Amino acid sequence: MDALKLAGLWKTRDRNGNVFLSGRLNTMNKILILPNTGKQKDEDPDYFFYIAPLKSRRSDGSGKKEGNPRDIHRNVVQDNNQKDSESDKS
């Protein structure tokens, strides 16, 4: 069989306990294989194959993933409020 191995996949569970497969395709993309939870007929596919971008890493070298945009916004608002309260004390 002439086949090209693209990636290894791991069985994972989501927050609701549903099983899916995931792995890294390359340094920029991940693979997700999710069950078709809306399957109604035998002709419908059993699974869907997705390629998605990997979440970016912080540029500070910590290796941590960039935060959720809501968390980033919350941190900026807290920092601004702290600066405002410090300037009010002066």
Protein backbone atom coordinates (compact mmCIF):
# COMPACT_ATOMS: atom_id res chain seq x y z
CA MET A 1 0.00 0.00 0.00
CA ASP A 2 1.44 3.36 -1.02
CA ALA A 3 0.37 5.75 1.70
CA LEU A 4 1.77 8.89 3.26
CA LYS A 5 1.47 9.21 7.04
CA LEU A 6 0.45 12.80 7.83
CA ALA A 7 0.01 12.85 11.59
CA GLY A 8 -0.69 10.88 14.73
CA LEU A 9 -4.10 11.32 16.31
CA TRP A 10 -5.15 11.08 19.95
CA LYS A 11 -8.55 10.14 21.30
CA THR A 12 -9.86 13.02 23.40
CA ARG A 13 -13.08 13.88 25.21
CA ASP A 14 -14.77 17.27 25.05
CA ARG A 15 -16.48 18.98 28.00
CA ASN A 16 -19.64 16.97 27.34
CA GLY A 17 -17.83 13.63 27.28
CA ASN A 18 -18.01 13.18 23.48
CA VAL A 19 -15.01 11.40 21.97
CA PHE A 20 -13.08 12.92 19.05
CA LEU A 21 -9.64 12.57 17.47
CA SER A 22 -7.08 15.35 17.32
CA GLY A 23 -3.45 15.86 16.34
CA ARG A 24 -0.98 18.29 14.80
CA LEU A 25 -0.63 18.41 11.03
CA ASN A 26 2.32 20.84 11.10
CA THR A 27 3.55 23.82 13.14
CA MET A 28 0.58 25.95 12.12
CA ASN A 29 -2.39 23.57 11.84
CA LYS A 30 -4.15 20.88 13.81
CA ILE A 31 -6.44 18.07 12.69
CA LEU A 32 -9.81 17.37 14.28
CA ILE A 33 -12.01 14.41 13.42
CA LEU A 34 -15.43 14.84 14.98
CA PRO A 35 -18.41 12.49 14.93
CA ASN A 36 -21.42 13.60 12.95
CA THR A 37 -23.82 14.04 15.84
CA GLY A 38 -26.59 15.13 13.46
CA LYS A 39 -26.51 11.99 11.30
CA GLN A 40 -30.02 11.12 10.17
CA LYS A 41 -29.56 8.76 7.19
CA ASP A 42 -27.10 5.98 6.33
CA GLU A 43 -25.85 8.16 3.45
CA ASP A 44 -24.74 10.89 5.89
CA PRO A 45 -21.06 10.75 6.90
CA ASP A 46 -20.12 9.22 10.23
CA TYR A 47 -17.30 11.75 10.87
CA PHE A 48 -16.13 15.18 9.71
CA PHE A 49 -12.45 16.00 9.13
CA TYR A 50 -11.32 19.54 9.98
CA ILE A 51 -8.03 21.39 9.64
CA ALA A 52 -7.82 24.34 12.03
CA PRO A 53 -5.10 26.85 12.92
CA LEU A 54 -3.16 26.20 16.10
CA LYS A 55 -3.61 28.86 18.76
CA SER A 56 -0.70 31.28 18.74
CA ARG A 57 1.94 31.21 21.44
CA ARG A 58 3.05 34.24 23.43
CA SER A 59 5.87 36.25 21.95
CA ASP A 60 7.50 36.60 25.42
CA GLY A 61 8.99 33.12 25.06
CA SER A 62 6.97 31.63 27.92
CA GLY A 63 5.44 29.04 25.60
CA LYS A 64 2.01 29.74 27.03
CA LYS A 65 -0.90 30.08 24.65
CA GLU A 66 -2.25 33.55 23.99
CA GLY A 67 -5.22 34.27 26.21
CA ASN A 68 -8.83 34.33 25.31
CA PRO A 69 -9.77 37.75 23.84
CA ARG A 70 -12.21 38.27 26.74
CA ASP A 71 -9.44 37.62 29.25
CA ILE A 72 -7.10 40.00 27.44
CA HIS A 73 -9.79 42.70 27.45
CA ARG A 74 -10.49 42.07 31.15
CA ASN A 75 -6.77 42.43 31.98
CA VAL A 76 -6.49 45.69 30.02
CA VAL A 77 -9.54 47.12 31.79
CA GLN A 78 -8.14 46.09 35.21
CA ASP A 79 -4.76 47.66 34.40
CA ASN A 80 -6.42 50.89 33.29
CA ASN A 81 -8.60 51.00 36.42
CA GLN A 82 -5.54 50.44 38.61
CA LYS A 83 -3.66 53.28 36.87
CA ASP A 84 -6.68 55.58 37.29
CA SER A 85 -6.93 54.83 41.02
CA GLU A 86 -3.18 55.40 41.48
CA SER A 87 -3.38 58.78 39.70
CA ASP A 88 -6.37 59.79 41.86
CA LYS A 89 -4.25 59.20 44.99
CA SER A 90 -1.50 61.57 43.79
